[in-house]
Amino acid sequence: GNWNENTRTAAGQCGIEALVLWRESMQIANMQ
């Protein structure tokens, strides 16, 4: 989940339309 403005610039140059993070993460039995 680590990025900075260079990441956004590079992603755009490579044809990426969005950086996707998350709201929940699944562990073994529980959701964080």
PDB file of all heavy atoms in Angstrom:
ATOM      1  N   GLY A   1       0.804  -1.219   0.000  1.00  0.00           N
ATOM      2  CA  GLY A   1       0.000   0.000   0.000  1.00  0.00           C
ATOM      3  C   GLY A   1       0.834   1.265   0.000  1.00  0.00           C
ATOM      4  O   GLY A   1       0.318   2.348   0.221  1.00  0.00           O
ATOM      5  N   ASN A   2       2.135   1.160  -0.255  1.00  0.00           N
ATOM      6  CA  ASN A   2       3.046   2.309  -0.176  1.00  0.00           C
ATOM      7  C   ASN A   2       3.248   2.935  -1.549  1.00  0.00           C
ATOM      8  O   ASN A   2       3.635   2.250  -2.502  1.00  0.00           O
ATOM      9  CB  ASN A   2       4.395   1.875   0.396  1.00  0.00           C
ATOM     10  CG  ASN A   2       4.324   1.563   1.878  1.00  0.00           C
ATOM     11  OD1 ASN A   2       3.330   1.850   2.531  1.00  0.00           O
ATOM     12  ND2 ASN A   2       5.363   0.952   2.413  1.00  0.00           N
ATOM     13  N   TRP A   3       3.054   4.241  -1.619  1.00  0.00           N
ATOM     14  CA  TRP A   3       3.185   4.952  -2.875  1.00  0.00           C
ATOM     15  C   TRP A   3       3.519   6.409  -2.590  1.00  0.00           C
ATOM     16  O   TRP A   3       3.400   6.879  -1.455  1.00  0.00           O
ATOM     17  CB  TRP A   3       1.879   4.869  -3.678  1.00  0.00           C
ATOM     18  CG  TRP A   3       0.700   5.484  -2.970  1.00  0.00           C
ATOM     19  CD1 TRP A   3      -0.098   4.891  -2.031  1.00  0.00           C
ATOM     20  CD2 TRP A   3       0.211   6.814  -3.110  1.00  0.00           C
ATOM     21  NE1 TRP A   3      -1.053   5.752  -1.573  1.00  0.00           N
ATOM     22  CE2 TRP A   3      -0.892   6.959  -2.230  1.00  0.00           C
ATOM     23  CE3 TRP A   3       0.585   7.900  -3.904  1.00  0.00           C
ATOM     24  CZ2 TRP A   3      -1.615   8.152  -2.124  1.00  0.00           C
ATOM     25  CZ3 TRP A   3      -0.146   9.076  -3.795  1.00  0.00           C
ATOM     26  CH2 TRP A   3      -1.233   9.187  -2.909  1.00  0.00           C
ATOM     27  N   ASN A   4       3.958   7.117  -3.613  1.00  0.00           N
ATOM     28  CA  ASN A   4       4.155   8.559  -3.526  1.00  0.00           C
ATOM     29  C   ASN A   4       3.817   9.175  -4.884  1.00  0.00           C
ATOM     30  O   ASN A   4       3.306   8.471  -5.771  1.00  0.00           O
ATOM     31  CB  ASN A   4       5.580   8.910  -3.064  1.00  0.00           C
ATOM     32  CG  ASN A   4       6.656   8.301  -3.953  1.00  0.00           C
ATOM     33  OD1 ASN A   4       6.425   8.003  -5.127  1.00  0.00           O
ATOM     34  ND2 ASN A   4       7.844   8.111  -3.394  1.00  0.00           N
ATOM     35  N   GLU A   5       4.098  10.434  -5.051  1.00  0.00           N
ATOM     36  CA  GLU A   5       3.705  11.091  -6.300  1.00  0.00           C
ATOM     37  C   GLU A   5       4.467  10.526  -7.493  1.00  0.00           C
ATOM     38  O   GLU A   5       3.946  10.504  -8.619  1.00  0.00           O
ATOM     39  CB  GLU A   5       3.906  12.604  -6.197  1.00  0.00           C
ATOM     40  CG  GLU A   5       2.897  13.291  -5.277  1.00  0.00           C
ATOM     41  CD  GLU A   5       1.447  12.983  -5.659  1.00  0.00           C
ATOM     42  OE1 GLU A   5       1.119  13.058  -6.872  1.00  0.00           O
ATOM     43  OE2 GLU A   5       0.649  12.655  -4.769  1.00  0.00           O
ATOM     44  N   ASN A   6       5.698  10.049  -7.281  1.00  0.00           N
ATOM     45  CA  ASN A   6       6.415   9.389  -8.371  1.00  0.00           C
ATOM     46  C   ASN A   6       5.683   8.133  -8.827  1.00  0.00           C
ATOM     47  O   ASN A   6       5.717   7.774 -10.010  1.00  0.00           O
ATOM     48  CB  ASN A   6       7.835   9.027  -7.935  1.00  0.00           C
ATOM     49  CG  ASN A   6       8.771  10.225  -7.914  1.00  0.00           C
ATOM     50  OD1 ASN A   6       8.542  11.212  -8.618  1.00  0.00           O
ATOM     51  ND2 ASN A   6       9.824  10.151  -7.112  1.00  0.00           N
ATOM     52  N   THR A   7       5.032   7.449  -7.876  1.00  0.00           N
ATOM     53  CA  THR A   7       4.265   6.253  -8.223  1.00  0.00           C
ATOM     54  C   THR A   7       3.106   6.611  -9.136  1.00  0.00           C
ATOM     55  O   THR A   7       2.865   5.947 -10.153  1.00  0.00           O
ATOM     56  CB  THR A   7       3.726   5.560  -6.960  1.00  0.00           C
ATOM     57  OG1 THR A   7       4.760   5.460  -5.977  1.00  0.00           O
ATOM     58  CG2 THR A   7       3.187   4.182  -7.284  1.00  0.00           C
ATOM     59  N   ARG A   8       2.396   7.669  -8.789  1.00  0.00           N
ATOM     60  CA  ARG A   8       1.252   8.088  -9.606  1.00  0.00           C
ATOM     61  C   ARG A   8       1.702   8.498 -11.004  1.00  0.00           C
ATOM     62  O   ARG A   8       1.072   8.149 -12.015  1.00  0.00           O
ATOM     63  CB  ARG A   8       0.517   9.242  -8.933  1.00  0.00           C
ATOM     64  CG  ARG A   8      -0.065   8.894  -7.591  1.00  0.00           C
ATOM     65  CD  ARG A   8      -0.664  10.107  -6.909  1.00  0.00           C
ATOM     66  NE  ARG A   8      -1.988  10.399  -7.412  1.00  0.00           N
ATOM     67  CZ  ARG A   8      -2.711  11.463  -7.022  1.00  0.00           C
ATOM     68  NH1 ARG A   8      -2.208  12.335  -6.179  1.00  0.00           N
ATOM     69  NH2 ARG A   8      -3.914  11.651  -7.500  1.00  0.00           N
ATOM     70  N   THR A   9       2.814   9.214 -11.062  1.00  0.00           N
ATOM     71  CA  THR A   9       3.327   9.644 -12.361  1.00  0.00           C
ATOM     72  C   THR A   9       3.748   8.448 -13.207  1.00  0.00           C
ATOM     73  O   THR A   9       3.387   8.337 -14.388  1.00  0.00           O
ATOM     74  CB  THR A   9       4.516  10.599 -12.175  1.00  0.00           C
ATOM     75  OG1 THR A   9       4.088  11.750 -11.445  1.00  0.00           O
ATOM     76  CG2 THR A   9       5.081  11.033 -13.515  1.00  0.00           C
ATOM     77  N   ALA A  10       4.518   7.542 -12.596  1.00  0.00           N
ATOM     78  CA  ALA A  10       4.972   6.362 -13.318  1.00  0.00           C
ATOM     79  C   ALA A  10       3.790   5.508 -13.771  1.00  0.00           C
ATOM     80  O   ALA A  10       3.765   5.001 -14.902  1.00  0.00           O
ATOM     81  CB  ALA A  10       5.910   5.543 -12.439  1.00  0.00           C
ATOM     82  N   ALA A  11       2.821   5.329 -12.898  1.00  0.00           N
ATOM     83  CA  ALA A  11       1.653   4.524 -13.245  1.00  0.00           C
ATOM     84  C   ALA A  11       0.933   5.107 -14.456  1.00  0.00           C
ATOM     85  O   ALA A  11       0.557   4.380 -15.385  1.00  0.00           O
ATOM     86  CB  ALA A  11       0.705   4.435 -12.051  1.00  0.00           C
ATOM     87  N   GLY A  12       0.745   6.421 -14.465  1.00  0.00           N
ATOM     88  CA  GLY A  12       0.097   7.064 -15.594  1.00  0.00           C
ATOM     89  C   GLY A  12       0.891   6.881 -16.878  1.00  0.00           C
ATOM     90  O   GLY A  12       0.324   6.629 -17.949  1.00  0.00           O
ATOM     91  N   GLN A  13       2.209   6.987 -16.790  1.00  0.00           N
ATOM     92  CA  GLN A  13       3.065   6.801 -17.962  1.00  0.00           C
ATOM     93  C   GLN A  13       3.007   5.371 -18.491  1.00  0.00           C
ATOM     94  O   GLN A  13       3.240   5.142 -19.686  1.00  0.00           O
ATOM     95  CB  GLN A  13       4.504   7.172 -17.608  1.00  0.00           C
ATOM     96  CG  GLN A  13       4.708   8.657 -17.326  1.00  0.00           C
ATOM     97  CD  GLN A  13       6.079   8.967 -16.751  1.00  0.00           C
ATOM     98  OE1 GLN A  13       6.789   8.071 -16.263  1.00  0.00           O
ATOM     99  NE2 GLN A  13       6.470  10.240 -16.786  1.00  0.00           N
ATOM    100  N   CYS A  14       2.700   4.425 -17.610  1.00  0.00           N
ATOM    101  CA  CYS A  14       2.646   3.015 -17.997  1.00  0.00           C
ATOM    102  C   CYS A  14       1.244   2.580 -18.436  1.00  0.00           C
ATOM    103  O   CYS A  14       1.041   1.399 -18.750  1.00  0.00           O
ATOM    104  CB  CYS A  14       3.109   2.132 -16.840  1.00  0.00           C
ATOM    105  SG  CYS A  14       4.829   2.412 -16.336  1.00  0.00           S
ATOM    106  N   GLY A  15       0.294   3.494 -18.445  1.00  0.00           N
ATOM    107  CA  GLY A  15      -1.054   3.168 -18.889  1.00  0.00           C
ATOM    108  C   GLY A  15      -2.005   2.742 -17.799  1.00  0.00           C
ATOM    109  O   GLY A  15      -3.120   2.265 -18.082  1.00  0.00           O
ATOM    110  N   ILE A  16      -1.617   2.916 -16.541  1.00  0.00           N
ATOM    111  CA  ILE A  16      -2.485   2.581 -15.405  1.00  0.00           C
ATOM    112  C   ILE A  16      -3.509   3.692 -15.196  1.00  0.00           C
ATOM    113  O   ILE A  16      -3.180   4.877 -15.252  1.00  0.00           O
ATOM    114  CB  ILE A  16      -1.643   2.376 -14.128  1.00  0.00           C
ATOM    115  CG1 ILE A  16      -0.719   1.158 -14.271  1.00  0.00           C
ATOM    116  CG2 ILE A  16      -2.527   2.252 -12.901  1.00  0.00           C
ATOM    117  CD1 ILE A  16      -1.440  -0.161 -14.404  1.00  0.00           C
ATOM    118  N   GLU A  17      -4.749   3.309 -14.917  1.00  0.00           N
ATOM    119  CA  GLU A  17      -5.825   4.274 -14.738  1.00  0.00           C
ATOM    120  C   GLU A  17      -6.145   4.566 -13.271  1.00  0.00           C
ATOM    121  O   GLU A  17      -6.780   5.574 -12.972  1.00  0.00           O
ATOM    122  CB  GLU A  17      -7.088   3.778 -15.450  1.00  0.00           C
ATOM    123  CG  GLU A  17      -6.911   3.637 -16.953  1.00  0.00           C
ATOM    124  CD  GLU A  17      -8.130   3.048 -17.636  1.00  0.00           C
ATOM    125  OE1 GLU A  17      -9.212   3.068 -17.021  1.00  0.00           O
ATOM    126  OE2 GLU A  17      -7.980   2.547 -18.764  1.00  0.00           O
ATOM    127  N   ALA A  18      -5.736   3.689 -12.359  1.00  0.00           N
ATOM    128  CA  ALA A  18      -5.992   3.922 -10.928  1.00  0.00           C
ATOM    129  C   ALA A  18      -5.082   3.047 -10.092  1.00  0.00           C
ATOM    130  O   ALA A  18      -4.774   1.911 -10.468  1.00  0.00           O
ATOM    131  CB  ALA A  18      -7.456   3.641 -10.573  1.00  0.00           C
ATOM    132  N   LEU A  19      -4.639   3.582  -8.939  1.00  0.00           N
ATOM    133  CA  LEU A  19      -3.980   2.786  -7.917  1.00  0.00           C
ATOM    134  C   LEU A  19      -5.059   2.321  -6.948  1.00  0.00           C
ATOM    135  O   LEU A  19      -5.850   3.131  -6.455  1.00  0.00           O
ATOM    136  CB  LEU A  19      -2.928   3.609  -7.174  1.00  0.00           C
ATOM    137  CG  LEU A  19      -1.792   4.221  -7.997  1.00  0.00           C
ATOM    138  CD1 LEU A  19      -0.783   4.892  -7.065  1.00  0.00           C
ATOM    139  CD2 LEU A  19      -1.113   3.194  -8.879  1.00  0.00           C
ATOM    140  N   VAL A  20      -5.082   1.028  -6.669  1.00  0.00           N
ATOM    141  CA  VAL A  20      -6.157   0.438  -5.881  1.00  0.00           C
ATOM    142  C   VAL A  20      -5.621  -0.025  -4.532  1.00  0.00           C
ATOM    143  O   VAL A  20      -4.752  -0.906  -4.461  1.00  0.00           O
ATOM    144  CB  VAL A  20      -6.805  -0.740  -6.631  1.00  0.00           C
ATOM    145  CG1 VAL A  20      -7.923  -1.353  -5.791  1.00  0.00           C
ATOM    146  CG2 VAL A  20      -7.353  -0.272  -7.980  1.00  0.00           C
ATOM    147  N   LEU A  21      -6.139   0.566  -3.452  1.00  0.00           N
ATOM    148  CA  LEU A  21      -5.804   0.144  -2.092  1.00  0.00           C
ATOM    149  C   LEU A  21      -6.955  -0.701  -1.551  1.00  0.00           C
ATOM    150  O   LEU A  21      -7.550  -1.473  -2.283  1.00  0.00           O
ATOM    151  CB  LEU A  21      -5.482   1.355  -1.227  1.00  0.00           C
ATOM    152  CG  LEU A  21      -4.344   2.255  -1.763  1.00  0.00           C
ATOM    153  CD1 LEU A  21      -4.071   3.392  -0.796  1.00  0.00           C
ATOM    154  CD2 LEU A  21      -3.087   1.471  -2.052  1.00  0.00           C
ATOM    155  N   TRP A  22      -7.318  -0.557  -0.279  1.00  0.00           N
ATOM    156  CA  TRP A  22      -8.349  -1.406   0.298  1.00  0.00           C
ATOM    157  C   TRP A  22      -8.900  -0.795   1.570  1.00  0.00           C
ATOM    158  O   TRP A  22      -8.322   0.100   2.166  1.00  0.00           O
ATOM    159  CB  TRP A  22      -7.788  -2.793   0.583  1.00  0.00           C
ATOM    160  CG  TRP A  22      -6.626  -2.807   1.539  1.00  0.00           C
ATOM    161  CD1 TRP A  22      -6.669  -2.916   2.904  1.00  0.00           C
ATOM    162  CD2 TRP A  22      -5.230  -2.687   1.195  1.00  0.00           C
ATOM    163  NE1 TRP A  22      -5.396  -2.885   3.430  1.00  0.00           N
ATOM    164  CE2 TRP A  22      -4.494  -2.745   2.403  1.00  0.00           C
ATOM    165  CE3 TRP A  22      -4.541  -2.542  -0.003  1.00  0.00           C
ATOM    166  CZ2 TRP A  22      -3.103  -2.667   2.439  1.00  0.00           C
ATOM    167  CZ3 TRP A  22      -3.155  -2.466   0.027  1.00  0.00           C
ATOM    168  CH2 TRP A  22      -2.451  -2.524   1.238  1.00  0.00           C
ATOM    169  N   ARG A  23     -10.050  -1.310   2.001  1.00  0.00           N
ATOM    170  CA  ARG A  23     -10.687  -0.920   3.261  1.00  0.00           C
ATOM    171  C   ARG A  23     -10.622  -2.019   4.314  1.00  0.00           C
ATOM    172  O   ARG A  23     -10.586  -1.738   5.509  1.00  0.00           O
ATOM    173  CB  ARG A  23     -12.160  -0.564   3.020  1.00  0.00           C
ATOM    174  CG  ARG A  23     -12.358   0.795   2.395  1.00  0.00           C
ATOM    175  CD  ARG A  23     -11.936   1.870   3.347  1.00  0.00           C
ATOM    176  NE  ARG A  23     -12.189   3.190   2.806  1.00  0.00           N
ATOM    177  CZ  ARG A  23     -11.779   4.314   3.372  1.00  0.00           C
ATOM    178  NH1 ARG A  23     -11.098   4.254   4.498  1.00  0.00           N
ATOM    179  NH2 ARG A  23     -12.043   5.467   2.840  1.00  0.00           N
ATOM    180  N   GLU A  24     -10.681  -3.270   3.871  1.00  0.00           N
ATOM    181  CA  GLU A  24     -10.585  -4.403   4.788  1.00  0.00           C
ATOM    182  C   GLU A  24      -9.527  -5.374   4.265  1.00  0.00           C
ATOM    183  O   GLU A  24      -9.289  -5.456   3.060  1.00  0.00           O
ATOM    184  CB  GLU A  24     -11.928  -5.158   4.900  1.00  0.00           C
ATOM    185  CG  GLU A  24     -13.023  -4.405   5.621  1.00  0.00           C
ATOM    186  CD  GLU A  24     -13.737  -3.405   4.743  1.00  0.00           C
ATOM    187  OE1 GLU A  24     -13.811  -3.628   3.510  1.00  0.00           O
ATOM    188  OE2 GLU A  24     -14.219  -2.389   5.277  1.00  0.00           O
ATOM    189  N   SER A  25      -8.909  -6.099   5.180  1.00  0.00           N
ATOM    190  CA  SER A  25      -7.978  -7.154   4.784  1.00  0.00           C
ATOM    191  C   SER A  25      -8.393  -8.450   5.479  1.00  0.00           C
ATOM    192  O   SER A  25      -8.728  -8.455   6.663  1.00  0.00           O
ATOM    193  CB  SER A  25      -6.537  -6.786   5.145  1.00  0.00           C
ATOM    194  OG  SER A  25      -6.394  -6.575   6.530  1.00  0.00           O
ATOM    195  N   MET A  26      -8.391  -9.522   4.708  1.00  0.00           N
ATOM    196  CA  MET A  26      -8.808 -10.820   5.234  1.00  0.00           C
ATOM    197  C   MET A  26      -7.621 -11.557   5.815  1.00  0.00           C
ATOM    198  O   MET A  26      -6.578 -11.697   5.169  1.00  0.00           O
ATOM    199  CB  MET A  26      -9.448 -11.651   4.115  1.00  0.00           C
ATOM    200  CG  MET A  26     -10.035 -12.956   4.608  1.00  0.00           C
ATOM    201  SD  MET A  26     -11.362 -12.672   5.808  1.00  0.00           S
ATOM    202  CE  MET A  26     -11.367 -14.223   6.707  1.00  0.00           C
ATOM    203  N   GLN A  27      -7.785 -12.016   7.065  1.00  0.00           N
ATOM    204  CA  GLN A  27      -6.758 -12.814   7.714  1.00  0.00           C
ATOM    205  C   GLN A  27      -7.126 -14.293   7.544  1.00  0.00           C
ATOM    206  O   GLN A  27      -7.562 -14.683   6.473  1.00  0.00           O
ATOM    207  CB  GLN A  27      -6.638 -12.405   9.177  1.00  0.00           C
ATOM    208  CG  GLN A  27      -6.416 -10.899   9.370  1.00  0.00           C
ATOM    209  CD  GLN A  27      -5.158 -10.396   8.664  1.00  0.00           C
ATOM    210  OE1 GLN A  27      -4.076 -10.905   8.891  1.00  0.00           O
ATOM    211  NE2 GLN A  27      -5.305  -9.389   7.814  1.00  0.00           N
ATOM    212  N   ILE A  28      -6.998 -15.107   8.556  1.00  0.00           N
ATOM    213  CA  ILE A  28      -7.334 -16.523   8.438  1.00  0.00           C
ATOM    214  C   ILE A  28      -8.836 -16.728   8.641  1.00  0.00           C
ATOM    215  O   ILE A  28      -9.518 -17.309   7.804  1.00  0.00           O
ATOM    216  CB  ILE A  28      -6.542 -17.366   9.454  1.00  0.00           C
ATOM    217  CG1 ILE A  28      -5.041 -17.229   9.177  1.00  0.00           C
ATOM    218  CG2 ILE A  28      -6.970 -18.835   9.378  1.00  0.00           C
ATOM    219  CD1 ILE A  28      -4.158 -17.823  10.253  1.00  0.00           C
ATOM    220  N   ALA A  29      -9.346 -16.248   9.754  1.00  0.00           N
ATOM    221  CA  ALA A  29     -10.768 -16.391  10.057  1.00  0.00           C
ATOM    222  C   ALA A  29     -11.475 -15.054  10.174  1.00  0.00           C
ATOM    223  O   ALA A  29     -12.692 -14.981  10.012  1.00  0.00           O
ATOM    224  CB  ALA A  29     -10.955 -17.178  11.359  1.00  0.00           C
ATOM    225  N   ASN A  30     -10.742 -14.014  10.442  1.00  0.00           N
ATOM    226  CA  ASN A  30     -11.345 -12.707  10.713  1.00  0.00           C
ATOM    227  C   ASN A  30     -10.938 -11.678   9.677  1.00  0.00           C
ATOM    228  O   ASN A  30      -9.912 -11.808   9.011  1.00  0.00           O
ATOM    229  CB  ASN A  30     -10.951 -12.219  12.101  1.00  0.00           C
ATOM    230  CG  ASN A  30     -11.511 -13.104  13.187  1.00  0.00           C
ATOM    231  OD1 ASN A  30     -12.680 -13.453  13.171  1.00  0.00           O
ATOM    232  ND2 ASN A  30     -10.667 -13.503  14.120  1.00  0.00           N
ATOM    233  N   MET A  31     -11.746 -10.659   9.597  1.00  0.00           N
ATOM    234  CA  MET A  31     -11.486  -9.559   8.695  1.00  0.00           C
ATOM    235  C   MET A  31     -11.002  -8.360   9.502  1.00  0.00           C
ATOM    236  O   MET A  31     -11.566  -8.043  10.553  1.00  0.00           O
ATOM    237  CB  MET A  31     -12.766  -9.208   7.920  1.00  0.00           C
ATOM    238  CG  MET A  31     -12.552  -8.361   6.698  1.00  0.00           C
ATOM    239  SD  MET A  31     -14.084  -8.180   5.737  1.00  0.00           S
ATOM    240  CE  MET A  31     -14.206  -9.815   4.986  1.00  0.00           C
ATOM    241  N   GLN A  32      -9.950  -7.717   9.036  1.00  0.00           N
ATOM    242  CA  GLN A  32      -9.441  -6.527   9.706  1.00  0.00           C
ATOM    243  C   GLN A  32     -10.015  -5.302   9.017  1.00  0.00           C
ATOM    244  O   GLN A  32      -9.916  -5.152   7.793  1.00  0.00           O
ATOM    245  CB  GLN A  32      -7.916  -6.493   9.650  1.00  0.00           C
ATOM    246  CG  GLN A  32      -7.320  -5.314  10.413  1.00  0.00           C
ATOM    247  CD  GLN A  32      -5.821  -5.260  10.247  1.00  0.00           C
ATOM    248  OE1 GLN A  32      -5.327  -5.436   9.134  1.00  0.00           O
ATOM    249  NE2 GLN A  32      -5.103  -5.030  11.311  1.00  0.00           N
TER     250      GLN A  32
END
